[in-house]
Structure formats: structure tokens, C-alpha cells
Amino acid sequence: MTSVLEAEARSTPDMHVALAALGQRLTTVFATVLTLAIAATRLDRWEFGIWIMASNAVIVAQFADFGIGQALVTPLARTFGAGDRDRSRRLVAAAVRRTAATGAAV
């Protein structure tokens, strides 16, 4: 049975990760709002429309893997945990091939 100290020691890194993730999200939101405000005041309507379209193209491209990267997380964690580096490499190679094929199809 785990002691309270062991449980607290395990939860401390989890809290650090959660706080880092929160900080990253807040920074992203702040940077997006700041960039949008600057672009809206410095660009005319035509330039602003082009900038928004280009920004959205980048956002859409981030989703273009159709979840392949996310689907790789659990099997890759299992292979790393088992120390099976060859299987890990094969999983990553397969994900890269599928992502490239998806990109070529789109």
C-alpha cells in the first residue's frame, strides 16, 4: 500500500505538468488575441482578409493528420514502456507514411 508521502510525490510532477499546460494555453490565447489586434489595426480590409485566410489554412493543416498522431500515443507509450525500440520505430514510420499519404490525397 502506498503511503501519503509517495502519493504526494507522484502528484507533484502531475501538478507541474498541468500548470505548464495551462501556461502554454494562456500564452497561446494571449498571443493570438494580441496578433489579431495588431493585424486588425495595421492592415486594410483586403490584407486582413488574406491574413485571416492564411492563418486558417495553418489551423486546418494542423488537423490534416485525421487523428493519426493522437492514435499513435498509446501504442507508442506501450512499446517504450516495454523497451521495444524496433516496434516504436515501425509505429512512427507507419504513422509518417499514413500522414504523407493523407497529405498527398488532400
C-alpha atoms as a PDB file:
ATOM      1  CA  MET A   1       0.000   0.000   0.000  1.00  0.00           C
ATOM      2  CA  THR A   2       1.355   3.437  -0.883  1.00  0.00           C
ATOM      3  CA  SER A   3       1.967   5.998   1.780  1.00  0.00           C
ATOM      4  CA  VAL A   4       0.630   9.529   1.695  1.00  0.00           C
ATOM      5  CA  LEU A   5       4.153  10.840   1.010  1.00  0.00           C
ATOM      6  CA  GLU A   6       4.571   8.548  -2.004  1.00  0.00           C
ATOM      7  CA  ALA A   7       1.208   9.614  -3.388  1.00  0.00           C
ATOM      8  CA  GLU A   8       2.069  13.277  -2.840  1.00  0.00           C
ATOM      9  CA  ALA A   9       5.457  12.827  -4.513  1.00  0.00           C
ATOM     10  CA  ARG A  10       3.743  11.347  -7.569  1.00  0.00           C
ATOM     11  CA  SER A  11       1.130  14.078  -7.760  1.00  0.00           C
ATOM     12  CA  THR A  12       3.676  16.921  -7.634  1.00  0.00           C
ATOM     13  CA  PRO A  13       5.060  16.297 -11.154  1.00  0.00           C
ATOM     14  CA  ASP A  14       1.472  15.920 -12.394  1.00  0.00           C
ATOM     15  CA  MET A  15       0.654  19.336 -10.970  1.00  0.00           C
ATOM     16  CA  HIS A  16       3.729  20.827 -12.654  1.00  0.00           C
ATOM     17  CA  VAL A  17       2.682  19.352 -15.987  1.00  0.00           C
ATOM     18  CA  ALA A  18      -0.860  20.645 -15.550  1.00  0.00           C
ATOM     19  CA  LEU A  19       0.383  24.128 -14.676  1.00  0.00           C
ATOM     20  CA  ALA A  20       2.782  24.123 -17.632  1.00  0.00           C
ATOM     21  CA  ALA A  21      -0.052  23.078 -19.961  1.00  0.00           C
ATOM     22  CA  LEU A  22      -2.272  25.816 -18.559  1.00  0.00           C
ATOM     23  CA  GLY A  23       0.501  28.357 -19.015  1.00  0.00           C
ATOM     24  CA  GLN A  24       1.008  27.220 -22.590  1.00  0.00           C
ATOM     25  CA  ARG A  25      -2.698  27.563 -23.364  1.00  0.00           C
ATOM     26  CA  LEU A  26      -2.934  31.005 -21.797  1.00  0.00           C
ATOM     27  CA  THR A  27       0.156  32.160 -23.670  1.00  0.00           C
ATOM     28  CA  THR A  28      -1.302  30.879 -26.939  1.00  0.00           C
ATOM     29  CA  VAL A  29      -4.604  32.670 -26.360  1.00  0.00           C
ATOM     30  CA  PHE A  30      -2.833  35.903 -25.377  1.00  0.00           C
ATOM     31  CA  ALA A  31      -0.533  35.774 -28.415  1.00  0.00           C
ATOM     32  CA  THR A  32      -3.467  35.088 -30.734  1.00  0.00           C
ATOM     33  CA  VAL A  33      -5.526  37.975 -29.382  1.00  0.00           C
ATOM     34  CA  LEU A  34      -2.524  40.321 -29.480  1.00  0.00           C
ATOM     35  CA  THR A  35      -1.643  39.322 -33.046  1.00  0.00           C
ATOM     36  CA  LEU A  36      -5.242  39.715 -34.149  1.00  0.00           C
ATOM     37  CA  ALA A  37      -5.470  43.176 -32.585  1.00  0.00           C
ATOM     38  CA  ILE A  38      -2.240  44.302 -34.248  1.00  0.00           C
ATOM     39  CA  ALA A  39      -3.252  42.893 -37.632  1.00  0.00           C
ATOM     40  CA  ALA A  40      -6.718  44.472 -37.447  1.00  0.00           C
ATOM     41  CA  THR A  41      -5.278  47.920 -36.812  1.00  0.00           C
ATOM     42  CA  ARG A  42      -2.362  47.747 -39.280  1.00  0.00           C
ATOM     43  CA  LEU A  43      -3.922  46.042 -42.303  1.00  0.00           C
ATOM     44  CA  ASP A  44      -6.652  47.262 -44.600  1.00  0.00           C
ATOM     45  CA  ARG A  45      -9.734  45.066 -45.174  1.00  0.00           C
ATOM     46  CA  TRP A  46      -8.276  43.217 -48.169  1.00  0.00           C
ATOM     47  CA  GLU A  47      -4.940  42.484 -46.471  1.00  0.00           C
ATOM     48  CA  PHE A  48      -6.692  41.485 -43.249  1.00  0.00           C
ATOM     49  CA  GLY A  49      -8.908  39.039 -45.159  1.00  0.00           C
ATOM     50  CA  ILE A  50      -5.861  37.444 -46.795  1.00  0.00           C
ATOM     51  CA  TRP A  51      -4.106  37.239 -43.435  1.00  0.00           C
ATOM     52  CA  ILE A  52      -7.140  35.541 -41.842  1.00  0.00           C
ATOM     53  CA  MET A  53      -7.371  33.042 -44.715  1.00  0.00           C
ATOM     54  CA  ALA A  54      -3.679  32.192 -44.404  1.00  0.00           C
ATOM     55  CA  SER A  55      -3.975  31.817 -40.627  1.00  0.00           C
ATOM     56  CA  ASN A  56      -6.950  29.499 -41.005  1.00  0.00           C
ATOM     57  CA  ALA A  57      -5.096  27.412 -43.589  1.00  0.00           C
ATOM     58  CA  VAL A  58      -2.405  26.773 -40.979  1.00  0.00           C
ATOM     59  CA  ILE A  59      -5.023  25.792 -38.398  1.00  0.00           C
ATOM     60  CA  VAL A  60      -6.711  23.404 -40.834  1.00  0.00           C
ATOM     61  CA  ALA A  61      -3.335  21.871 -41.725  1.00  0.00           C
ATOM     62  CA  GLN A  62      -2.823  21.016 -38.056  1.00  0.00           C
ATOM     63  CA  PHE A  63      -5.886  18.760 -38.230  1.00  0.00           C
ATOM     64  CA  ALA A  64      -4.913  17.182 -41.541  1.00  0.00           C
ATOM     65  CA  ASP A  65      -3.478  14.054 -39.931  1.00  0.00           C
ATOM     66  CA  PHE A  66      -7.055  12.945 -39.113  1.00  0.00           C
ATOM     67  CA  GLY A  67      -6.037  11.817 -35.635  1.00  0.00           C
ATOM     68  CA  ILE A  68      -3.171   9.574 -36.738  1.00  0.00           C
ATOM     69  CA  GLY A  69      -0.747  11.259 -34.334  1.00  0.00           C
ATOM     70  CA  GLN A  70      -3.159  11.010 -31.426  1.00  0.00           C
ATOM     71  CA  ALA A  71      -3.889   7.370 -32.222  1.00  0.00           C
ATOM     72  CA  LEU A  72      -0.161   6.675 -32.047  1.00  0.00           C
ATOM     73  CA  VAL A  73       0.238   7.866 -28.455  1.00  0.00           C
ATOM     74  CA  THR A  74      -0.999   4.765 -26.591  1.00  0.00           C
ATOM     75  CA  PRO A  75       0.733   2.088 -28.702  1.00  0.00           C
ATOM     76  CA  LEU A  76       3.946   4.109 -28.696  1.00  0.00           C
ATOM     77  CA  ALA A  77       3.821   4.507 -24.911  1.00  0.00           C
ATOM     78  CA  ARG A  78       3.369   0.748 -24.544  1.00  0.00           C
ATOM     79  CA  THR A  79       6.349  -0.031 -26.777  1.00  0.00           C
ATOM     80  CA  PHE A  80       8.549   2.481 -24.946  1.00  0.00           C
ATOM     81  CA  GLY A  81       7.441   1.006 -21.631  1.00  0.00           C
ATOM     82  CA  ALA A  82       8.333  -2.467 -22.856  1.00  0.00           C
ATOM     83  CA  GLY A  83      11.666  -1.223 -24.183  1.00  0.00           C
ATOM     84  CA  ASP A  84      10.823  -2.344 -27.718  1.00  0.00           C
ATOM     85  CA  ARG A  85      12.606   0.339 -29.750  1.00  0.00           C
ATOM     86  CA  ASP A  86      12.237  -1.538 -33.057  1.00  0.00           C
ATOM     87  CA  ARG A  87       8.454  -1.678 -32.716  1.00  0.00           C
ATOM     88  CA  SER A  88       8.427   2.010 -31.735  1.00  0.00           C
ATOM     89  CA  ARG A  89      10.331   2.891 -34.902  1.00  0.00           C
ATOM     90  CA  ARG A  90       7.937   0.826 -37.022  1.00  0.00           C
ATOM     91  CA  LEU A  91       4.916   2.544 -35.444  1.00  0.00           C
ATOM     92  CA  VAL A  92       6.339   6.017 -36.090  1.00  0.00           C
ATOM     93  CA  ALA A  93       7.301   5.067 -39.658  1.00  0.00           C
ATOM     94  CA  ALA A  94       3.786   3.775 -40.313  1.00  0.00           C
ATOM     95  CA  ALA A  95       2.274   6.982 -38.923  1.00  0.00           C
ATOM     96  CA  VAL A  96       4.567   9.101 -41.106  1.00  0.00           C
ATOM     97  CA  ARG A  97       3.621   7.060 -44.190  1.00  0.00           C
ATOM     98  CA  ARG A  98      -0.102   7.389 -43.455  1.00  0.00           C
ATOM     99  CA  THR A  99       0.186  11.103 -42.784  1.00  0.00           C
ATOM    100  CA  ALA A 100       2.140  11.590 -46.015  1.00  0.00           C
ATOM    101  CA  ALA A 101      -0.447   9.557 -47.940  1.00  0.00           C
ATOM    102  CA  THR A 102      -3.242  11.618 -46.411  1.00  0.00           C
ATOM    103  CA  GLY A 103      -1.422  14.819 -47.324  1.00  0.00           C
ATOM    104  CA  ALA A 104      -0.904  13.624 -50.884  1.00  0.00           C
ATOM    105  CA  ALA A 105      -4.588  12.700 -51.183  1.00  0.00           C
ATOM    106  CA  VAL A 106      -5.751  16.054 -49.883  1.00  0.00           C
END
